């Protein structure tokens, strides 16, 4: 089960990870495309007019251990904060960009103009870990 946090003061990756863990969960890990589609559907239902959920990316539990790698091996250095071995990825076009961007968000920018990879909806982007975003926790039944 996933739980979405929409906060008036969004949080860093580390703050999101700790908040999920303090509630007995973990930042969202995704095992396959079916789970990705389920989260997309849940987000679509939460963002219908009048729900109060607006533009704003969501931290998920994927991050890269190491500083400044920009080589072709960089995408292979990402791991899930909950220890999942899942190799499923849903990167936006030209992502991950690596460098100092080590933590991953799921795009949720329905009002943004589309980029080269289409709308900024549900694909993943690496970002600086100190940026402030919404987050998604995952709880095992």
C-alpha atoms as a PDB file:
ATOM      1  CA  UNK A   1       0.000   0.000   0.000  1.00  0.00           C
ATOM      2  CA  UNK A   2       1.280   3.496  -0.839  1.00  0.00           C
ATOM      3  CA  UNK A   3       0.594   6.735   0.978  1.00  0.00           C
ATOM      4  CA  UNK A   4       1.153  10.129  -0.618  1.00  0.00           C
ATOM      5  CA  UNK A   5       2.336  13.101   1.392  1.00  0.00           C
ATOM      6  CA  UNK A   6       1.324  16.555   0.162  1.00  0.00           C
ATOM      7  CA  UNK A   7       2.901  19.079   2.473  1.00  0.00           C
ATOM      8  CA  UNK A   8       2.746  22.848   2.513  1.00  0.00           C
ATOM      9  CA  UNK A   9       6.438  22.726   3.413  1.00  0.00           C
ATOM     10  CA  UNK A  10       7.935  19.987   1.270  1.00  0.00           C
ATOM     11  CA  UNK A  11      10.947  18.050   2.517  1.00  0.00           C
ATOM     12  CA  UNK A  12      14.380  16.804   1.444  1.00  0.00           C
ATOM     13  CA  UNK A  13      15.025  13.193   0.448  1.00  0.00           C
ATOM     14  CA  UNK A  14      16.519  12.348   3.852  1.00  0.00           C
ATOM     15  CA  UNK A  15      13.617  13.974   5.713  1.00  0.00           C
ATOM     16  CA  UNK A  16      11.137  12.035   3.560  1.00  0.00           C
ATOM     17  CA  UNK A  17      12.991   8.752   4.132  1.00  0.00           C
ATOM     18  CA  UNK A  18      13.037   9.290   7.894  1.00  0.00           C
ATOM     19  CA  UNK A  19       9.359  10.291   7.972  1.00  0.00           C
ATOM     20  CA  UNK A  20       8.350   7.087   6.164  1.00  0.00           C
ATOM     21  CA  UNK A  21      10.532   4.953   8.432  1.00  0.00           C
ATOM     22  CA  UNK A  22       9.156   6.619  11.577  1.00  0.00           C
ATOM     23  CA  UNK A  23       5.691   5.446  10.479  1.00  0.00           C
ATOM     24  CA  UNK A  24       6.831   1.862   9.816  1.00  0.00           C
ATOM     25  CA  UNK A  25       7.230   2.236   6.060  1.00  0.00           C
ATOM     26  CA  UNK A  26       9.829   3.185   3.489  1.00  0.00           C
ATOM     27  CA  UNK A  27      10.061   5.546   0.568  1.00  0.00           C
ATOM     28  CA  UNK A  28       8.345   3.974  -2.421  1.00  0.00           C
ATOM     29  CA  UNK A  29      10.193   1.275  -4.358  1.00  0.00           C
ATOM     30  CA  UNK A  30       8.735  -0.053  -7.593  1.00  0.00           C
ATOM     31  CA  UNK A  31       9.206  -3.638  -8.689  1.00  0.00           C
ATOM     32  CA  UNK A  32       7.708  -3.507 -12.185  1.00  0.00           C
ATOM     33  CA  UNK A  33       5.611  -1.581 -14.691  1.00  0.00           C
ATOM     34  CA  UNK A  34       2.365  -2.855 -13.134  1.00  0.00           C
ATOM     35  CA  UNK A  35       3.278  -1.195  -9.812  1.00  0.00           C
ATOM     36  CA  UNK A  36       4.268   1.969 -11.683  1.00  0.00           C
ATOM     37  CA  UNK A  37       0.856   2.044 -13.420  1.00  0.00           C
ATOM     38  CA  UNK A  38      -0.923   1.485 -10.091  1.00  0.00           C
ATOM     39  CA  UNK A  39       0.855   4.491  -8.553  1.00  0.00           C
ATOM     40  CA  UNK A  40       0.041   6.570 -11.642  1.00  0.00           C
ATOM     41  CA  UNK A  41      -3.624   5.643 -11.288  1.00  0.00           C
ATOM     42  CA  UNK A  42      -3.618   6.529  -7.597  1.00  0.00           C
ATOM     43  CA  UNK A  43      -1.998   9.894  -8.360  1.00  0.00           C
ATOM     44  CA  UNK A  44      -4.555  10.591 -11.093  1.00  0.00           C
ATOM     45  CA  UNK A  45      -7.382   9.944  -8.623  1.00  0.00           C
ATOM     46  CA  UNK A  46      -5.738  12.151  -5.993  1.00  0.00           C
ATOM     47  CA  UNK A  47      -5.222  15.034  -8.410  1.00  0.00           C
ATOM     48  CA  UNK A  48      -8.753  15.392  -9.732  1.00  0.00           C
ATOM     49  CA  UNK A  49     -10.123  18.962  -9.524  1.00  0.00           C
ATOM     50  CA  UNK A  50     -11.032  19.948  -5.984  1.00  0.00           C
ATOM     51  CA  UNK A  51      -8.728  17.457  -4.244  1.00  0.00           C
ATOM     52  CA  UNK A  52      -6.106  20.021  -3.272  1.00  0.00           C
ATOM     53  CA  UNK A  53      -3.193  18.071  -4.779  1.00  0.00           C
ATOM     54  CA  UNK A  54      -1.273  20.346  -7.134  1.00  0.00           C
ATOM     55  CA  UNK A  55       1.875  20.319  -9.215  1.00  0.00           C
ATOM     56  CA  UNK A  56       4.849  18.958  -7.338  1.00  0.00           C
ATOM     57  CA  UNK A  57       7.231  16.067  -7.815  1.00  0.00           C
ATOM     58  CA  UNK A  58       7.354  13.146  -5.381  1.00  0.00           C
ATOM     59  CA  UNK A  59      10.428  11.596  -3.817  1.00  0.00           C
ATOM     60  CA  UNK A  60      10.655   7.850  -4.351  1.00  0.00           C
ATOM     61  CA  UNK A  61      13.207   5.595  -2.653  1.00  0.00           C
ATOM     62  CA  UNK A  62      15.758   5.403  -5.472  1.00  0.00           C
ATOM     63  CA  UNK A  63      19.142   7.023  -4.919  1.00  0.00           C
ATOM     64  CA  UNK A  64      22.738   6.805  -6.111  1.00  0.00           C
ATOM     65  CA  UNK A  65      25.580   6.025  -3.747  1.00  0.00           C
ATOM     66  CA  UNK A  66      28.625   8.051  -4.716  1.00  0.00           C
ATOM     67  CA  UNK A  67      29.530  11.571  -5.710  1.00  0.00           C
ATOM     68  CA  UNK A  68      29.778  13.109  -9.135  1.00  0.00           C
ATOM     69  CA  UNK A  69      29.781  10.041 -11.368  1.00  0.00           C
ATOM     70  CA  UNK A  70      28.928  11.134 -14.900  1.00  0.00           C
ATOM     71  CA  UNK A  71      30.193   8.083 -16.759  1.00  0.00           C
ATOM     72  CA  UNK A  72      28.040   5.646 -18.677  1.00  0.00           C
ATOM     73  CA  UNK A  73      28.018   3.400 -15.582  1.00  0.00           C
ATOM     74  CA  UNK A  74      26.150   5.995 -13.523  1.00  0.00           C
ATOM     75  CA  UNK A  75      22.610   4.611 -14.154  1.00  0.00           C
ATOM     76  CA  UNK A  76      23.756   1.253 -12.746  1.00  0.00           C
ATOM     77  CA  UNK A  77      24.739   2.840  -9.405  1.00  0.00           C
ATOM     78  CA  UNK A  78      21.160   3.593  -8.314  1.00  0.00           C
ATOM     79  CA  UNK A  79      19.681   1.510  -5.507  1.00  0.00           C
ATOM     80  CA  UNK A  80      16.468   1.410  -3.494  1.00  0.00           C
ATOM     81  CA  UNK A  81      16.584   2.806   0.047  1.00  0.00           C
ATOM     82  CA  UNK A  82      14.456  -0.117   1.337  1.00  0.00           C
ATOM     83  CA  UNK A  83      16.956  -2.691   0.044  1.00  0.00           C
ATOM     84  CA  UNK A  84      14.757  -3.876  -2.832  1.00  0.00           C
ATOM     85  CA  UNK A  85      16.731  -5.521  -5.610  1.00  0.00           C
ATOM     86  CA  UNK A  86      14.340  -4.273  -8.287  1.00  0.00           C
ATOM     87  CA  UNK A  87      15.987  -3.224 -11.528  1.00  0.00           C
ATOM     88  CA  UNK A  88      12.807  -1.582 -12.844  1.00  0.00           C
ATOM     89  CA  UNK A  89      13.377   2.015 -13.983  1.00  0.00           C
ATOM     90  CA  UNK A  90      11.125   4.640 -15.588  1.00  0.00           C
ATOM     91  CA  UNK A  91      13.536   7.471 -16.411  1.00  0.00           C
ATOM     92  CA  UNK A  92      12.426  10.575 -18.323  1.00  0.00           C
ATOM     93  CA  UNK A  93      14.234  11.196 -21.624  1.00  0.00           C
ATOM     94  CA  UNK A  94      17.953  11.962 -21.051  1.00  0.00           C
ATOM     95  CA  UNK A  95      17.800  10.975 -17.378  1.00  0.00           C
ATOM     96  CA  UNK A  96      19.536  10.271 -15.101  1.00  0.00           C
ATOM     97  CA  UNK A  97      21.862  13.217 -15.600  1.00  0.00           C
ATOM     98  CA  UNK A  98      24.029  12.158 -12.630  1.00  0.00           C
ATOM     99  CA  UNK A  99      26.643  14.605 -11.374  1.00  0.00           C
ATOM    100  CA  UNK A 100      25.484  16.040  -8.045  1.00  0.00           C
ATOM    101  CA  UNK A 101      21.912  14.797  -8.562  1.00  0.00           C
ATOM    102  CA  UNK A 102      21.751  11.584  -6.517  1.00  0.00           C
ATOM    103  CA  UNK A 103      18.128  11.210  -5.365  1.00  0.00           C
ATOM    104  CA  UNK A 104      15.117  10.434  -7.544  1.00  0.00           C
ATOM    105  CA  UNK A 105      11.705  12.040  -7.935  1.00  0.00           C
ATOM    106  CA  UNK A 106       8.656  10.908  -9.838  1.00  0.00           C
ATOM    107  CA  UNK A 107       7.589  13.835 -11.987  1.00  0.00           C
ATOM    108  CA  UNK A 108       4.184  15.315 -11.256  1.00  0.00           C
ATOM    109  CA  UNK A 109       3.911  18.580 -13.179  1.00  0.00           C
ATOM    110  CA  UNK A 110       0.572  18.410 -15.024  1.00  0.00           C
ATOM    111  CA  UNK A 111       0.511  22.142 -15.811  1.00  0.00           C
ATOM    112  CA  UNK A 112       4.080  22.315 -17.188  1.00  0.00           C
ATOM    113  CA  UNK A 113       4.664  22.535 -20.918  1.00  0.00           C
ATOM    114  CA  UNK A 114       5.832  19.148 -22.264  1.00  0.00           C
ATOM    115  CA  UNK A 115       9.541  18.602 -22.783  1.00  0.00           C
ATOM    116  CA  UNK A 116      11.330  16.443 -25.367  1.00  0.00           C
ATOM    117  CA  UNK A 117      10.119  13.304 -23.592  1.00  0.00           C
ATOM    118  CA  UNK A 118       6.501  14.448 -23.395  1.00  0.00           C
ATOM    119  CA  UNK A 119       4.600  15.641 -20.316  1.00  0.00           C
ATOM    120  CA  UNK A 120       6.395  15.693 -16.978  1.00  0.00           C
ATOM    121  CA  UNK A 121       4.122  13.056 -15.513  1.00  0.00           C
ATOM    122  CA  UNK A 122       5.210   9.923 -13.663  1.00  0.00           C
ATOM    123  CA  UNK A 123       8.641   9.459 -15.270  1.00  0.00           C
ATOM    124  CA  UNK A 124      11.673   9.678 -13.030  1.00  0.00           C
ATOM    125  CA  UNK A 125      14.319  12.356 -12.699  1.00  0.00           C
ATOM    126  CA  UNK A 126      17.430  12.504 -10.569  1.00  0.00           C
ATOM    127  CA  UNK A 127      17.580  15.620  -8.424  1.00  0.00           C
ATOM    128  CA  UNK A 128      19.708  17.115  -5.679  1.00  0.00           C
ATOM    129  CA  UNK A 129      18.838  15.391  -2.397  1.00  0.00           C
ATOM    130  CA  UNK A 130      18.402  18.675  -0.538  1.00  0.00           C
ATOM    131  CA  UNK A 131      15.595  19.861  -2.833  1.00  0.00           C
ATOM    132  CA  UNK A 132      12.137  20.006  -1.248  1.00  0.00           C
ATOM    133  CA  UNK A 133       9.432  17.732  -2.667  1.00  0.00           C
ATOM    134  CA  UNK A 134       6.347  15.740  -1.741  1.00  0.00           C
ATOM    135  CA  UNK A 135       6.996  12.061  -1.086  1.00  0.00           C
ATOM    136  CA  UNK A 136       5.406   8.628  -1.326  1.00  0.00           C
ATOM    137  CA  UNK A 137       5.719   6.048   1.444  1.00  0.00           C
ATOM    138  CA  UNK A 138       5.158   2.341   0.913  1.00  0.00           C
ATOM    139  CA  UNK A 139       3.852   0.050   3.639  1.00  0.00           C
ATOM    140  CA  UNK A 140       3.817  -3.722   3.524  1.00  0.00           C
ATOM    141  CA  UNK A 141       0.472  -5.324   4.438  1.00  0.00           C
END
